[in-house]
C-alpha atoms as a PDB file:
ATOM      1  CA  MET A   1      -5.756  26.493  21.677  1.00  0.00           C
ATOM      2  CA  THR A   2      -6.593  24.556  18.754  1.00  0.00           C
ATOM      3  CA  VAL A   3      -6.193  21.338  20.570  1.00  0.00           C
ATOM      4  CA  MET A   4      -8.440  22.577  23.394  1.00  0.00           C
ATOM      5  CA  SER A   5     -11.152  23.742  20.961  1.00  0.00           C
ATOM      6  CA  ARG A   6     -11.061  20.287  19.198  1.00  0.00           C
ATOM      7  CA  LEU A   7     -11.389  18.361  22.392  1.00  0.00           C
ATOM      8  CA  ALA A   8     -14.394  20.664  23.322  1.00  0.00           C
ATOM      9  CA  GLU A   9     -15.907  19.919  20.035  1.00  0.00           C
ATOM     10  CA  LYS A  10     -15.569  16.095  20.755  1.00  0.00           C
ATOM     11  CA  GLY A  11     -17.104  16.468  24.061  1.00  0.00           C
ATOM     12  CA  VAL A  12     -13.983  15.843  26.130  1.00  0.00           C
ATOM     13  CA  LEU A  13     -13.797  19.244  27.560  1.00  0.00           C
ATOM     14  CA  ILE A  14     -16.409  21.947  28.333  1.00  0.00           C
ATOM     15  CA  LYS A  15     -15.714  25.392  27.014  1.00  0.00           C
ATOM     16  CA  GLU A  16     -17.105  28.362  29.138  1.00  0.00           C
ATOM     17  CA  LYS A  17     -16.476  32.003  28.616  1.00  0.00           C
ATOM     18  CA  GLU A  18     -15.579  34.081  31.605  1.00  0.00           C
ATOM     19  CA  GLY A  19     -15.157  37.591  30.672  1.00  0.00           C
ATOM     20  CA  ASN A  20     -12.626  37.697  27.998  1.00  0.00           C
ATOM     21  CA  ALA A  21     -11.225  34.360  28.747  1.00  0.00           C
ATOM     22  CA  LEU A  22     -12.350  30.904  27.846  1.00  0.00           C
ATOM     23  CA  ILE A  23     -12.164  28.478  30.562  1.00  0.00           C
ATOM     24  CA  TYR A  24     -11.772  24.723  29.727  1.00  0.00           C
ATOM     25  CA  ARG A  25     -12.815  21.918  32.119  1.00  0.00           C
ATOM     26  CA  PRO A  26     -13.183  18.171  31.776  1.00  0.00           C
ATOM     27  CA  SER A  27     -16.588  16.844  30.755  1.00  0.00           C
ATOM     28  CA  ALA A  28     -16.181  13.807  32.909  1.00  0.00           C
ATOM     29  CA  THR A  29     -14.206  12.539  35.845  1.00  0.00           C
ATOM     30  CA  LEU A  30     -11.041  10.491  35.432  1.00  0.00           C
ATOM     31  CA  GLU A  31     -12.852   7.358  36.279  1.00  0.00           C
ATOM     32  CA  GLN A  32     -15.602   7.994  33.949  1.00  0.00           C
ATOM     33  CA  PHE A  33     -13.131   8.874  31.108  1.00  0.00           C
ATOM     34  CA  MET A  34     -11.045   5.720  31.613  1.00  0.00           C
ATOM     35  CA  ALA A  35     -14.224   3.521  31.759  1.00  0.00           C
ATOM     36  CA  SER A  36     -15.475   5.086  28.525  1.00  0.00           C
ATOM     37  CA  THR A  37     -12.185   4.582  26.975  1.00  0.00           C
ATOM     38  CA  VAL A  38     -11.737   1.096  27.949  1.00  0.00           C
ATOM     39  CA  ARG A  39     -15.288   0.268  26.989  1.00  0.00           C
ATOM     40  CA  THR A  40     -14.856   1.676  23.529  1.00  0.00           C
ATOM     41  CA  ILE A  41     -11.415  -0.203  22.921  1.00  0.00           C
ATOM     42  CA  LEU A  42     -12.895  -3.497  24.096  1.00  0.00           C
ATOM     43  CA  ALA A  43     -15.922  -3.176  21.867  1.00  0.00           C
ATOM     44  CA  GLY A  44     -13.697  -2.708  18.989  1.00  0.00           C
ATOM     45  CA  LEU A  45     -11.436  -5.621  19.833  1.00  0.00           C
ATOM     46  CA  LEU A  46     -14.267  -7.964  20.725  1.00  0.00           C
ATOM     47  CA  GLU A  47     -16.043  -6.995  17.333  1.00  0.00           C
ATOM     48  CA  GLU A  48     -13.116  -7.812  15.223  1.00  0.00           C
ATOM     49  CA  PHE A  49     -11.066 -10.430  17.424  1.00  0.00           C
ATOM     50  CA  SER A  50     -13.269 -11.857  20.019  1.00  0.00           C
ATOM     51  CA  LEU A  51     -11.844 -15.001  20.836  1.00  0.00           C
ATOM     52  CA  PRO A  52      -8.137 -13.860  20.780  1.00  0.00           C
ATOM     53  CA  THR A  53      -9.116 -10.786  22.864  1.00  0.00           C
ATOM     54  CA  ILE A  54     -10.861 -12.788  25.655  1.00  0.00           C
ATOM     55  CA  GLY A  55      -8.050 -15.480  25.620  1.00  0.00           C
ATOM     56  CA  GLN A  56      -5.386 -12.665  25.996  1.00  0.00           C
ATOM     57  CA  PHE A  57      -7.417 -11.049  28.776  1.00  0.00           C
ATOM     58  CA  ILE A  58      -7.746 -14.211  30.727  1.00  0.00           C
ATOM     59  CA  GLU A  59      -4.046 -15.014  30.389  1.00  0.00           C
ATOM     60  CA  SER A  60      -3.186 -11.635  31.471  1.00  0.00           C
ATOM     61  CA  VAL A  61      -5.508 -11.733  34.508  1.00  0.00           C
ATOM     62  CA  ALA A  62      -4.021 -15.130  35.533  1.00  0.00           C
ATOM     63  CA  GLN A  63      -0.462 -13.586  35.228  1.00  0.00           C
ATOM     64  CA  VAL A  64      -1.243 -10.430  37.227  1.00  0.00           C
ATOM     65  CA  SER A  65      -3.619 -11.854  39.830  1.00  0.00           C
ATOM     66  CA  PRO A  66      -4.441 -15.463  40.004  1.00  0.00           C
ATOM     67  CA  GLU A  67      -6.800 -14.921  42.785  1.00  0.00           C
ATOM     68  CA  HIS A  68      -8.989 -12.863  40.473  1.00  0.00           C
ATOM     69  CA  MET A  69      -9.448 -16.008  38.134  1.00  0.00           C
ATOM     70  CA  GLY A  70     -12.189 -17.220  40.553  1.00  0.00           C
ATOM     71  CA  GLU A  71     -14.051 -14.053  40.534  1.00  0.00           C
ATOM     72  CA  LEU A  72     -13.685 -13.912  36.683  1.00  0.00           C
ATOM     73  CA  ALA A  73     -15.295 -17.431  36.380  1.00  0.00           C
ATOM     74  CA  ARG A  74     -18.102 -16.391  38.632  1.00  0.00           C
ATOM     75  CA  LEU A  75     -18.979 -13.222  36.637  1.00  0.00           C
ATOM     76  CA  ALA A  76     -18.998 -15.189  33.347  1.00  0.00           C
ATOM     77  CA  GLU A  77     -21.253 -17.721  34.830  1.00  0.00           C
ATOM     78  CA  GLU A  78     -23.429 -14.888  36.116  1.00  0.00           C
ATOM     79  CA  GLN A  79     -23.652 -13.317  32.536  1.00  0.00           C
ATOM     80  CA  LYS A  80     -24.315 -16.571  30.947  1.00  0.00           C
ATOM     81  CA  SER A  81     -27.441 -17.301  33.202  1.00  0.00           C
ATOM     82  CA  ARG A  82     -28.931 -13.971  32.109  1.00  0.00           C
END
């Protein structure tokens, strides 16, 4: 219960009282939670280690899915022209 209460305090769970019971449910969908977590981790990495982070990301994408490299280049160009 301590863990659940702390997660509710941090906004990860929503706590509702139903009769004598406390009901906990997620405050976001799995997709929203994962996007938020990845965004937070990337922001920290880019703040401290921008070039190594980007370099490793590109290397990892190329190893996993070489066909995504073109899409990645297109997105980079799109962001650069904004």
